[in-house]
Amino acid sequence: MGQSRKQILSVLGDHKPKLREIVKATRISRSATYNALAACWKKGLVLRTKKSIYEFEKIFKGRAGMTQTTRPYHLYVLRPEGTDSVNINGREFVKCAKEFLDVRGEA
């Protein structure tokens, strides 16, 4: 198992849903973190939210002004032994399956 995966799984050890906290805690780049999480989800090590979460963001672009965007993302949680899905705070977390893949991309 790669070093980044080990770091990510150790951060998820408290069984609380996370995404951005993983990037801060591991100090791994955002893209490397997302790729490692997708690989962990495909291998069945973590569970991911069944539906995307959408967040509205305003980003300051200096002299160009502000841009506004809506970003979709998923939360991840360490997979409990022998469980394929879990409900935490009203969000359903599921294992990797074809019906749960995002239409935006593969993972």
PDB file of N, CA and C in Angstrom:
ATOM      1  N   MET A   1       0.851  -1.170   0.000  1.00  0.00           N
ATOM      2  CA  MET A   1       0.000   0.000   0.000  1.00  0.00           C
ATOM      3  C   MET A   1       0.897   1.234   0.000  1.00  0.00           C
ATOM      4  N   GLY A   2       0.504   2.236  -0.802  1.00  0.00           N
ATOM      5  CA  GLY A   2       1.296   3.449  -0.923  1.00  0.00           C
ATOM      6  C   GLY A   2       1.277   4.287   0.341  1.00  0.00           C
ATOM      7  N   GLN A   3       2.293   5.124   0.474  1.00  0.00           N
ATOM      8  CA  GLN A   3       2.434   5.975   1.657  1.00  0.00           C
ATOM      9  C   GLN A   3       1.253   6.919   1.825  1.00  0.00           C
ATOM     10  N   SER A   4       0.781   7.510   0.723  1.00  0.00           N
ATOM     11  CA  SER A   4      -0.341   8.440   0.829  1.00  0.00           C
ATOM     12  C   SER A   4      -1.607   7.716   1.277  1.00  0.00           C
ATOM     13  N   ARG A   5      -1.826   6.496   0.819  1.00  0.00           N
ATOM     14  CA  ARG A   5      -2.999   5.735   1.255  1.00  0.00           C
ATOM     15  C   ARG A   5      -2.936   5.439   2.742  1.00  0.00           C
ATOM     16  N   LYS A   6      -1.752   5.084   3.239  1.00  0.00           N
ATOM     17  CA  LYS A   6      -1.588   4.814   4.668  1.00  0.00           C
ATOM     18  C   LYS A   6      -1.913   6.053   5.492  1.00  0.00           C
ATOM     19  N   GLN A   7      -1.431   7.214   5.053  1.00  0.00           N
ATOM     20  CA  GLN A   7      -1.705   8.460   5.767  1.00  0.00           C
ATOM     21  C   GLN A   7      -3.200   8.776   5.764  1.00  0.00           C
ATOM     22  N   ILE A   8      -3.842   8.605   4.631  1.00  0.00           N
ATOM     23  CA  ILE A   8      -5.267   8.901   4.512  1.00  0.00           C
ATOM     24  C   ILE A   8      -6.081   7.964   5.400  1.00  0.00           C
ATOM     25  N   LEU A   9      -5.779   6.688   5.386  1.00  0.00           N
ATOM     26  CA  LEU A   9      -6.518   5.731   6.212  1.00  0.00           C
ATOM     27  C   LEU A   9      -6.305   5.991   7.698  1.00  0.00           C
ATOM     28  N   SER A  10      -5.123   6.470   8.083  1.00  0.00           N
ATOM     29  CA  SER A  10      -4.900   6.788   9.494  1.00  0.00           C
ATOM     30  C   SER A  10      -5.723   7.998   9.925  1.00  0.00           C
ATOM     31  N   VAL A  11      -5.900   8.974   9.028  1.00  0.00           N
ATOM     32  CA  VAL A  11      -6.740  10.134   9.337  1.00  0.00           C
ATOM     33  C   VAL A  11      -8.204   9.723   9.458  1.00  0.00           C
ATOM     34  N   LEU A  12      -8.644   8.767   8.656  1.00  0.00           N
ATOM     35  CA  LEU A  12     -10.024   8.294   8.692  1.00  0.00           C
ATOM     36  C   LEU A  12     -10.288   7.312   9.831  1.00  0.00           C
ATOM     37  N   GLY A  13      -9.292   7.029  10.647  1.00  0.00           N
ATOM     38  CA  GLY A  13      -9.407   6.040  11.722  1.00  0.00           C
ATOM     39  C   GLY A  13     -10.462   6.347  12.764  1.00  0.00           C
ATOM     40  N   ASP A  14     -10.895   7.599  12.890  1.00  0.00           N
ATOM     41  CA  ASP A  14     -11.888   7.938  13.910  1.00  0.00           C
ATOM     42  C   ASP A  14     -13.320   7.713  13.424  1.00  0.00           C
ATOM     43  N   HIS A  15     -13.489   7.215  12.202  1.00  0.00           N
ATOM     44  CA  HIS A  15     -14.796   6.876  11.610  1.00  0.00           C
ATOM     45  C   HIS A  15     -15.735   8.077  11.492  1.00  0.00           C
ATOM     46  N   LYS A  16     -15.179   9.265  11.267  1.00  0.00           N
ATOM     47  CA  LYS A  16     -15.985  10.457  11.015  1.00  0.00           C
ATOM     48  C   LYS A  16     -15.809  10.852   9.558  1.00  0.00           C
ATOM     49  N   PRO A  17     -16.894  11.216   8.869  1.00  0.00           N
ATOM     50  CA  PRO A  17     -16.807  11.571   7.448  1.00  0.00           C
ATOM     51  C   PRO A  17     -15.921  12.792   7.225  1.00  0.00           C
ATOM     52  N   LYS A  18     -15.046  12.702   6.226  1.00  0.00           N
ATOM     53  CA  LYS A  18     -14.114  13.788   5.958  1.00  0.00           C
ATOM     54  C   LYS A  18     -13.769  13.868   4.479  1.00  0.00           C
ATOM     55  N   LEU A  19     -13.258  15.019   4.078  1.00  0.00           N
ATOM     56  CA  LEU A  19     -12.614  15.180   2.783  1.00  0.00           C
ATOM     57  C   LEU A  19     -11.539  16.239   2.905  1.00  0.00           C
ATOM     58  N   ARG A  20     -11.930  17.475   3.083  1.00  0.00           N
ATOM     59  CA  ARG A  20     -10.940  18.559   3.138  1.00  0.00           C
ATOM     60  C   ARG A  20     -10.014  18.444   4.338  1.00  0.00           C
ATOM     61  N   GLU A  21     -10.498  17.862   5.423  1.00  0.00           N
ATOM     62  CA  GLU A  21      -9.652  17.663   6.598  1.00  0.00           C
ATOM     63  C   GLU A  21      -8.495  16.723   6.290  1.00  0.00           C
ATOM     64  N   ILE A  22      -8.715  15.794   5.362  1.00  0.00           N
ATOM     65  CA  ILE A  22      -7.668  14.846   4.984  1.00  0.00           C
ATOM     66  C   ILE A  22      -6.517  15.582   4.311  1.00  0.00           C
ATOM     67  N   VAL A  23      -6.841  16.518   3.434  1.00  0.00           N
ATOM     68  CA  VAL A  23      -5.810  17.285   2.725  1.00  0.00           C
ATOM     69  C   VAL A  23      -4.970  18.072   3.728  1.00  0.00           C
ATOM     70  N   LYS A  24      -5.625  18.698   4.706  1.00  0.00           N
ATOM     71  CA  LYS A  24      -4.907  19.488   5.715  1.00  0.00           C
ATOM     72  C   LYS A  24      -4.053  18.605   6.609  1.00  0.00           C
ATOM     73  N   ALA A  25      -4.606  17.490   7.066  1.00  0.00           N
ATOM     74  CA  ALA A  25      -3.913  16.635   8.023  1.00  0.00           C
ATOM     75  C   ALA A  25      -2.720  15.903   7.413  1.00  0.00           C
ATOM     76  N   THR A  26      -2.847  15.474   6.165  1.00  0.00           N
ATOM     77  CA  THR A  26      -1.770  14.699   5.541  1.00  0.00           C
ATOM     78  C   THR A  26      -0.747  15.569   4.824  1.00  0.00           C
ATOM     79  N   ARG A  27      -1.146  16.796   4.479  1.00  0.00           N
ATOM     80  CA  ARG A  27      -0.291  17.716   3.711  1.00  0.00           C
ATOM     81  C   ARG A  27       0.086  17.139   2.347  1.00  0.00           C
ATOM     82  N   ILE A  28      -0.806  16.310   1.821  1.00  0.00           N
ATOM     83  CA  ILE A  28      -0.653  15.769   0.471  1.00  0.00           C
ATOM     84  C   ILE A  28      -1.446  16.686  -0.443  1.00  0.00           C
ATOM     85  N   SER A  29      -1.024  16.853  -1.682  1.00  0.00           N
ATOM     86  CA  SER A  29      -1.730  17.741  -2.606  1.00  0.00           C
ATOM     87  C   SER A  29      -3.178  17.279  -2.772  1.00  0.00           C
ATOM     88  N   ARG A  30      -4.039  18.217  -3.119  1.00  0.00           N
ATOM     89  CA  ARG A  30      -5.462  17.923  -3.265  1.00  0.00           C
ATOM     90  C   ARG A  30      -5.702  16.838  -4.310  1.00  0.00           C
ATOM     91  N   SER A  31      -5.054  16.949  -5.460  1.00  0.00           N
ATOM     92  CA  SER A  31      -5.286  15.959  -6.522  1.00  0.00           C
ATOM     93  C   SER A  31      -4.777  14.576  -6.115  1.00  0.00           C
ATOM     94  N   ALA A  32      -3.631  14.517  -5.439  1.00  0.00           N
ATOM     95  CA  ALA A  32      -3.108  13.223  -4.986  1.00  0.00           C
ATOM     96  C   ALA A  32      -4.017  12.610  -3.931  1.00  0.00           C
ATOM     97  N   THR A  33      -4.589  13.450  -3.066  1.00  0.00           N
ATOM     98  CA  THR A  33      -5.516  12.965  -2.046  1.00  0.00           C
ATOM     99  C   THR A  33      -6.769  12.395  -2.692  1.00  0.00           C
ATOM    100  N   TYR A  34      -7.345  13.123  -3.654  1.00  0.00           N
ATOM    101  CA  TYR A  34      -8.551  12.651  -4.332  1.00  0.00           C
ATOM    102  C   TYR A  34      -8.297  11.349  -5.082  1.00  0.00           C
ATOM    103  N   ASN A  35      -7.142  11.252  -5.736  1.00  0.00           N
ATOM    104  CA  ASN A  35      -6.804  10.019  -6.459  1.00  0.00           C
ATOM    105  C   ASN A  35      -6.641   8.839  -5.498  1.00  0.00           C
ATOM    106  N   ALA A  36      -5.971   9.073  -4.364  1.00  0.00           N
ATOM    107  CA  ALA A  36      -5.772   8.005  -3.385  1.00  0.00           C
ATOM    108  C   ALA A  36      -7.106   7.584  -2.763  1.00  0.00           C
ATOM    109  N   LEU A  37      -7.995   8.553  -2.489  1.00  0.00           N
ATOM    110  CA  LEU A  37      -9.311   8.221  -1.947  1.00  0.00           C
ATOM    111  C   LEU A  37     -10.131   7.401  -2.943  1.00  0.00           C
ATOM    112  N   ALA A  38     -10.071   7.772  -4.210  1.00  0.00           N
ATOM    113  CA  ALA A  38     -10.790   7.011  -5.235  1.00  0.00           C
ATOM    114  C   ALA A  38     -10.258   5.579  -5.308  1.00  0.00           C
ATOM    115  N   ALA A  39      -8.946   5.420  -5.214  1.00  0.00           N
ATOM    116  CA  ALA A  39      -8.351   4.078  -5.241  1.00  0.00           C
ATOM    117  C   ALA A  39      -8.761   3.277  -4.009  1.00  0.00           C
ATOM    118  N   CYS A  40      -8.789   3.914  -2.835  1.00  0.00           N
ATOM    119  CA  CYS A  40      -9.215   3.232  -1.606  1.00  0.00           C
ATOM    120  C   CYS A  40     -10.685   2.830  -1.694  1.00  0.00           C
ATOM    121  N   TRP A  41     -11.508   3.680  -2.308  1.00  0.00           N
ATOM    122  CA  TRP A  41     -12.937   3.366  -2.457  1.00  0.00           C
ATOM    123  C   TRP A  41     -13.113   2.166  -3.383  1.00  0.00           C
ATOM    124  N   LYS A  42     -12.361   2.150  -4.492  1.00  0.00           N
ATOM    125  CA  LYS A  42     -12.467   1.039  -5.438  1.00  0.00           C
ATOM    126  C   LYS A  42     -11.987  -0.276  -4.828  1.00  0.00           C
ATOM    127  N   LYS A  43     -11.005  -0.212  -3.922  1.00  0.00           N
ATOM    128  CA  LYS A  43     -10.488  -1.424  -3.278  1.00  0.00           C
ATOM    129  C   LYS A  43     -11.336  -1.867  -2.098  1.00  0.00           C
ATOM    130  N   GLY A  44     -12.333  -1.042  -1.719  1.00  0.00           N
ATOM    131  CA  GLY A  44     -13.222  -1.409  -0.621  1.00  0.00           C
ATOM    132  C   GLY A  44     -12.716  -1.052   0.759  1.00  0.00           C
ATOM    133  N   LEU A  45     -11.717  -0.173   0.841  1.00  0.00           N
ATOM    134  CA  LEU A  45     -11.176   0.221   2.135  1.00  0.00           C
ATOM    135  C   LEU A  45     -12.004   1.315   2.806  1.00  0.00           C
ATOM    136  N   VAL A  46     -12.667   2.145   2.005  1.00  0.00           N
ATOM    137  CA  VAL A  46     -13.476   3.239   2.535  1.00  0.00           C
ATOM    138  C   VAL A  46     -14.852   3.224   1.879  1.00  0.00           C
ATOM    139  N   LEU A  47     -15.787   3.907   2.512  1.00  0.00           N
ATOM    140  CA  LEU A  47     -17.119   4.114   1.948  1.00  0.00           C
ATOM    141  C   LEU A  47     -17.233   5.579   1.552  1.00  0.00           C
ATOM    142  N   ARG A  48     -18.059   5.866   0.558  1.00  0.00           N
ATOM    143  CA  ARG A  48     -18.231   7.225   0.038  1.00  0.00           C
ATOM    144  C   ARG A  48     -19.717   7.582   0.050  1.00  0.00           C
ATOM    145  N   THR A  49     -20.028   8.873   0.151  1.00  0.00           N
ATOM    146  CA  THR A  49     -21.428   9.278   0.121  1.00  0.00           C
ATOM    147  C   THR A  49     -22.069   8.798  -1.173  1.00  0.00           C
ATOM    148  N   LYS A  50     -23.308   8.355  -1.044  1.00  0.00           N
ATOM    149  CA  LYS A  50     -24.028   7.825  -2.196  1.00  0.00           C
ATOM    150  C   LYS A  50     -24.293   8.910  -3.223  1.00  0.00           C
ATOM    151  N   LYS A  51     -24.674  10.094  -2.745  1.00  0.00           N
ATOM    152  CA  LYS A  51     -24.957  11.228  -3.626  1.00  0.00           C
ATOM    153  C   LYS A  51     -23.932  12.328  -3.394  1.00  0.00           C
ATOM    154  N   SER A  52     -23.629  13.064  -4.443  1.00  0.00           N
ATOM    155  CA  SER A  52     -22.700  14.185  -4.334  1.00  0.00           C
ATOM    156  C   SER A  52     -23.280  15.265  -3.442  1.00  0.00           C
ATOM    157  N   ILE A  53     -22.391  15.972  -2.766  1.00  0.00           N
ATOM    158  CA  ILE A  53     -22.756  17.134  -1.967  1.00  0.00           C
ATOM    159  C   ILE A  53     -22.339  18.350  -2.783  1.00  0.00           C
ATOM    160  N   TYR A  54     -23.213  19.333  -2.890  1.00  0.00           N
ATOM    161  CA  TYR A  54     -22.918  20.519  -3.695  1.00  0.00           C
ATOM    162  C   TYR A  54     -22.706  21.712  -2.776  1.00  0.00           C
ATOM    163  N   GLU A  55     -21.636  22.457  -3.042  1.00  0.00           N
ATOM    164  CA  GLU A  55     -21.283  23.612  -2.227  1.00  0.00           C
ATOM    165  C   GLU A  55     -21.053  24.818  -3.115  1.00  0.00           C
ATOM    166  N   PHE A  56     -21.700  25.922  -2.788  1.00  0.00           N
ATOM    167  CA  PHE A  56     -21.526  27.169  -3.523  1.00  0.00           C
ATOM    168  C   PHE A  56     -20.272  27.853  -2.996  1.00  0.00           C
ATOM    169  N   GLU A  57     -19.429  28.343  -3.900  1.00  0.00           N
ATOM    170  CA  GLU A  57     -18.160  28.960  -3.532  1.00  0.00           C
ATOM    171  C   GLU A  57     -17.949  30.267  -4.276  1.00  0.00           C
ATOM    172  N   LYS A  58     -17.467  31.265  -3.567  1.00  0.00           N
ATOM    173  CA  LYS A  58     -17.010  32.504  -4.191  1.00  0.00           C
ATOM    174  C   LYS A  58     -15.503  32.529  -4.055  1.00  0.00           C
ATOM    175  N   ILE A  59     -14.823  32.771  -5.171  1.00  0.00           N
ATOM    176  CA  ILE A  59     -13.360  32.768  -5.175  1.00  0.00           C
ATOM    177  C   ILE A  59     -12.870  34.128  -5.640  1.00  0.00           C
ATOM    178  N   PHE A  60     -11.997  34.736  -4.826  1.00  0.00           N
ATOM    179  CA  PHE A  60     -11.429  36.030  -5.171  1.00  0.00           C
ATOM    180  C   PHE A  60     -10.299  35.823  -6.183  1.00  0.00           C
ATOM    181  N   LYS A  61     -10.381  36.498  -7.331  1.00  0.00           N
ATOM    182  CA  LYS A  61      -9.404  36.341  -8.409  1.00  0.00           C
ATOM    183  C   LYS A  61      -8.574  37.606  -8.612  1.00  0.00           C
ATOM    184  N   GLY A  62      -8.352  38.365  -7.554  1.00  0.00           N
ATOM    185  CA  GLY A  62      -7.534  39.570  -7.672  1.00  0.00           C
ATOM    186  C   GLY A  62      -8.235  40.638  -8.479  1.00  0.00           C
ATOM    187  N   ARG A  63      -7.505  41.213  -9.421  1.00  0.00           N
ATOM    188  CA  ARG A  63      -8.068  42.290 -10.247  1.00  0.00           C
ATOM    189  C   ARG A  63      -9.215  41.829 -11.127  1.00  0.00           C
ATOM    190  N   ALA A  64      -9.264  40.547 -11.380  1.00  0.00           N
ATOM    191  CA  ALA A  64     -10.335  40.014 -12.214  1.00  0.00           C
ATOM    192  C   ALA A  64     -11.672  39.972 -11.467  1.00  0.00           C
ATOM    193  N   GLY A  65     -11.637  40.159 -10.158  1.00  0.00           N
ATOM    194  CA  GLY A  65     -12.865  40.172  -9.373  1.00  0.00           C
ATOM    195  C   GLY A  65     -13.172  38.821  -8.750  1.00  0.00           C
ATOM    196  N   MET A  66     -14.430  38.568  -8.542  1.00  0.00           N
ATOM    197  CA  MET A  66     -14.883  37.337  -7.902  1.00  0.00           C
ATOM    198  C   MET A  66     -15.489  36.389  -8.936  1.00  0.00           C
ATOM    199  N   THR A  67     -15.245  35.119  -8.744  1.00  0.00           N
ATOM    200  CA  THR A  67     -15.939  34.114  -9.545  1.00  0.00           C
ATOM    201  C   THR A  67     -16.814  33.299  -8.598  1.00  0.00           C
ATOM    202  N   GLN A  68     -17.891  32.795  -9.122  1.00  0.00           N
ATOM    203  CA  GLN A  68     -18.802  31.977  -8.335  1.00  0.00           C
ATOM    204  C   GLN A  68     -18.961  30.632  -9.020  1.00  0.00           C
ATOM    205  N   THR A  69     -18.938  29.596  -8.228  1.00  0.00           N
ATOM    206  CA  THR A  69     -19.075  28.263  -8.780  1.00  0.00           C
ATOM    207  C   THR A  69     -19.753  27.348  -7.766  1.00  0.00           C
ATOM    208  N   THR A  70     -20.347  26.299  -8.234  1.00  0.00           N
ATOM    209  CA  THR A  70     -20.911  25.267  -7.377  1.00  0.00           C
ATOM    210  C   THR A  70     -20.076  24.011  -7.585  1.00  0.00           C
ATOM    211  N   ARG A  71     -19.458  23.549  -6.513  1.00  0.00           N
ATOM    212  CA  ARG A  71     -18.567  22.404  -6.601  1.00  0.00           C
ATOM    213  C   ARG A  71     -19.203  21.160  -5.980  1.00  0.00           C
ATOM    214  N   PRO A  72     -19.230  20.070  -6.719  1.00  0.00           N
ATOM    215  CA  PRO A  72     -19.708  18.812  -6.141  1.00  0.00           C
ATOM    216  C   PRO A  72     -18.531  18.064  -5.494  1.00  0.00           C
ATOM    217  N   TYR A  73     -18.801  17.385  -4.398  1.00  0.00           N
ATOM    218  CA  TYR A  73     -17.772  16.570  -3.761  1.00  0.00           C
ATOM    219  C   TYR A  73     -18.431  15.453  -2.973  1.00  0.00           C
ATOM    220  N   HIS A  74     -17.620  14.507  -2.516  1.00  0.00           N
ATOM    221  CA  HIS A  74     -18.086  13.382  -1.702  1.00  0.00           C
ATOM    222  C   HIS A  74     -17.315  13.382  -0.396  1.00  0.00           C
ATOM    223  N   LEU A  75     -17.937  12.854   0.647  1.00  0.00           N
ATOM    224  CA  LEU A  75     -17.264  12.607   1.913  1.00  0.00           C
ATOM    225  C   LEU A  75     -16.894  11.132   1.972  1.00  0.00           C
ATOM    226  N   TYR A  76     -15.860  10.827   2.724  1.00  0.00           N
ATOM    227  CA  TYR A  76     -15.390   9.450   2.846  1.00  0.00           C
ATOM    228  C   TYR A  76     -15.291   9.071   4.319  1.00  0.00           C
ATOM    229  N   VAL A  77     -15.486   7.800   4.590  1.00  0.00           N
ATOM    230  CA  VAL A  77     -15.363   7.275   5.945  1.00  0.00           C
ATOM    231  C   VAL A  77     -14.737   5.883   5.850  1.00  0.00           C
ATOM    232  N   LEU A  78     -13.950   5.532   6.859  1.00  0.00           N
ATOM    233  CA  LEU A  78     -13.329   4.216   6.893  1.00  0.00           C
ATOM    234  C   LEU A  78     -14.416   3.147   6.943  1.00  0.00           C
ATOM    235  N   ARG A  79     -14.266   2.123   6.138  1.00  0.00           N
ATOM    236  CA  ARG A  79     -15.295   1.076   6.038  1.00  0.00           C
ATOM    237  C   ARG A  79     -15.244   0.167   7.264  1.00  0.00           C
ATOM    238  N   PRO A  80     -16.360   0.083   8.018  1.00  0.00           N
ATOM    239  CA  PRO A  80     -16.407  -0.862   9.142  1.00  0.00           C
ATOM    240  C   PRO A  80     -16.342  -2.300   8.635  1.00  0.00           C
ATOM    241  N   GLU A  81     -15.737  -3.158   9.405  1.00  0.00           N
ATOM    242  CA  GLU A  81     -15.561  -4.561   9.025  1.00  0.00           C
ATOM    243  C   GLU A  81     -16.908  -5.232   8.760  1.00  0.00           C
ATOM    244  N   GLY A  82     -17.042  -5.846   7.595  1.00  0.00           N
ATOM    245  CA  GLY A  82     -18.236  -6.600   7.254  1.00  0.00           C
ATOM    246  C   GLY A  82     -19.451  -5.761   6.872  1.00  0.00           C
ATOM    247  N   THR A  83     -19.275  -4.481   6.605  1.00  0.00           N
ATOM    248  CA  THR A  83     -20.390  -3.600   6.267  1.00  0.00           C
ATOM    249  C   THR A  83     -20.172  -2.993   4.892  1.00  0.00           C
ATOM    250  N   ASP A  84     -21.213  -3.004   4.067  1.00  0.00           N
ATOM    251  CA  ASP A  84     -21.115  -2.426   2.728  1.00  0.00           C
ATOM    252  C   ASP A  84     -21.747  -1.045   2.625  1.00  0.00           C
ATOM    253  N   SER A  85     -22.549  -0.663   3.622  1.00  0.00           N
ATOM    254  CA  SER A  85     -23.124   0.682   3.637  1.00  0.00           C
ATOM    255  C   SER A  85     -23.402   1.076   5.081  1.00  0.00           C
ATOM    256  N   VAL A  86     -23.414   2.384   5.304  1.00  0.00           N
ATOM    257  CA  VAL A  86     -23.654   2.902   6.644  1.00  0.00           C
ATOM    258  C   VAL A  86     -24.328   4.264   6.509  1.00  0.00           C
ATOM    259  N   ASN A  87     -25.153   4.628   7.484  1.00  0.00           N
ATOM    260  CA  ASN A  87     -25.834   5.913   7.481  1.00  0.00           C
ATOM    261  C   ASN A  87     -25.280   6.744   8.626  1.00  0.00           C
ATOM    262  N   ILE A  88     -24.691   7.903   8.310  1.00  0.00           N
ATOM    263  CA  ILE A  88     -24.114   8.804   9.310  1.00  0.00           C
ATOM    264  C   ILE A  88     -24.704  10.186   9.105  1.00  0.00           C
ATOM    265  N   ASN A  89     -25.334  10.709  10.139  1.00  0.00           N
ATOM    266  CA  ASN A  89     -25.930  12.054  10.095  1.00  0.00           C
ATOM    267  C   ASN A  89     -26.858  12.243   8.891  1.00  0.00           C
ATOM    268  N   GLY A  90     -27.626  11.234   8.557  1.00  0.00           N
ATOM    269  CA  GLY A  90     -28.576  11.336   7.454  1.00  0.00           C
ATOM    270  C   GLY A  90     -27.976  11.172   6.071  1.00  0.00           C
ATOM    271  N   ARG A  91     -26.683  10.914   5.978  1.00  0.00           N
ATOM    272  CA  ARG A  91     -26.030  10.679   4.683  1.00  0.00           C
ATOM    273  C   ARG A  91     -25.695   9.200   4.560  1.00  0.00           C
ATOM    274  N   GLU A  92     -26.015   8.642   3.398  1.00  0.00           N
ATOM    275  CA  GLU A  92     -25.735   7.232   3.165  1.00  0.00           C
ATOM    276  C   GLU A  92     -24.361   7.081   2.518  1.00  0.00           C
ATOM    277  N   PHE A  93     -23.535   6.240   3.128  1.00  0.00           N
ATOM    278  CA  PHE A  93     -22.204   5.942   2.613  1.00  0.00           C
ATOM    279  C   PHE A  93     -22.230   4.524   2.062  1.00  0.00           C
ATOM    280  N   VAL A  94     -21.676   4.346   0.856  1.00  0.00           N
ATOM    281  CA  VAL A  94     -21.763   3.062   0.159  1.00  0.00           C
ATOM    282  C   VAL A  94     -20.391   2.613  -0.337  1.00  0.00           C
ATOM    283  N   LYS A  95     -20.311   1.304  -0.601  1.00  0.00           N
ATOM    284  CA  LYS A  95     -19.088   0.757  -1.191  1.00  0.00           C
ATOM    285  C   LYS A  95     -19.088   1.045  -2.692  1.00  0.00           C
ATOM    286  N   CYS A  96     -17.986   0.787  -3.328  1.00  0.00           N
ATOM    287  CA  CYS A  96     -17.849   1.042  -4.765  1.00  0.00           C
ATOM    288  C   CYS A  96     -18.708   0.063  -5.549  1.00  0.00           C
ATOM    289  N   ALA A  97     -19.551   0.623  -6.407  1.00  0.00           N
ATOM    290  CA  ALA A  97     -20.387  -0.167  -7.300  1.00  0.00           C
ATOM    291  C   ALA A  97     -20.696   0.687  -8.522  1.00  0.00           C
ATOM    292  N   LYS A  98     -20.970   0.039  -9.620  1.00  0.00           N
ATOM    293  CA  LYS A  98     -21.187   0.741 -10.882  1.00  0.00           C
ATOM    294  C   LYS A  98     -22.313   1.778 -10.786  1.00  0.00           C
ATOM    295  N   GLU A  99     -23.377   1.472 -10.062  1.00  0.00           N
ATOM    296  CA  GLU A  99     -24.501   2.410  -9.979  1.00  0.00           C
ATOM    297  C   GLU A  99     -24.191   3.664  -9.157  1.00  0.00           C
ATOM    298  N   PHE A 100     -23.100   3.663  -8.382  1.00  0.00           N
ATOM    299  CA  PHE A 100     -22.750   4.822  -7.571  1.00  0.00           C
ATOM    300  C   PHE A 100     -21.643   5.677  -8.188  1.00  0.00           C
ATOM    301  N   LEU A 101     -21.165   5.305  -9.364  1.00  0.00           N
ATOM    302  CA  LEU A 101     -20.133   6.107 -10.031  1.00  0.00           C
ATOM    303  C   LEU A 101     -20.718   7.439 -10.472  1.00  0.00           C
ATOM    304  N   ASP A 102     -19.906   8.485 -10.436  1.00  0.00           N
ATOM    305  CA  ASP A 102     -20.349   9.807 -10.870  1.00  0.00           C
ATOM    306  C   ASP A 102     -20.451   9.860 -12.377  1.00  0.00           C
ATOM    307  N   VAL A 103     -21.418  10.612 -12.870  1.00  0.00           N
ATOM    308  CA  VAL A 103     -21.567  10.798 -14.315  1.00  0.00           C
ATOM    309  C   VAL A 103     -20.476  11.734 -14.839  1.00  0.00           C
ATOM    310  N   ARG A 104     -19.834  12.502 -13.940  1.00  0.00           N
ATOM    311  CA  ARG A 104     -18.781  13.449 -14.348  1.00  0.00           C
ATOM    312  C   ARG A 104     -17.474  12.740 -14.683  1.00  0.00           C
ATOM    313  N   GLY A 105     -17.269  11.582 -14.128  1.00  0.00           N
ATOM    314  CA  GLY A 105     -16.013  10.881 -14.356  1.00  0.00           C
ATOM    315  C   GLY A 105     -16.112   9.471 -13.838  1.00  0.00           C
ATOM    316  N   GLU A 106     -14.986   8.820 -13.738  1.00  0.00           N
ATOM    317  CA  GLU A 106     -14.986   7.425 -13.356  1.00  0.00           C
ATOM    318  C   GLU A 106     -15.250   7.201 -11.882  1.00  0.00           C
ATOM    319  N   ALA A 107     -14.672   8.020 -10.991  1.00  0.00           N
ATOM    320  CA  ALA A 107     -14.787   7.746  -9.558  1.00  0.00           C
ATOM    321  C   ALA A 107     -15.567   8.732  -8.829  1.00  0.00           C
TER     322      ALA A 107
END
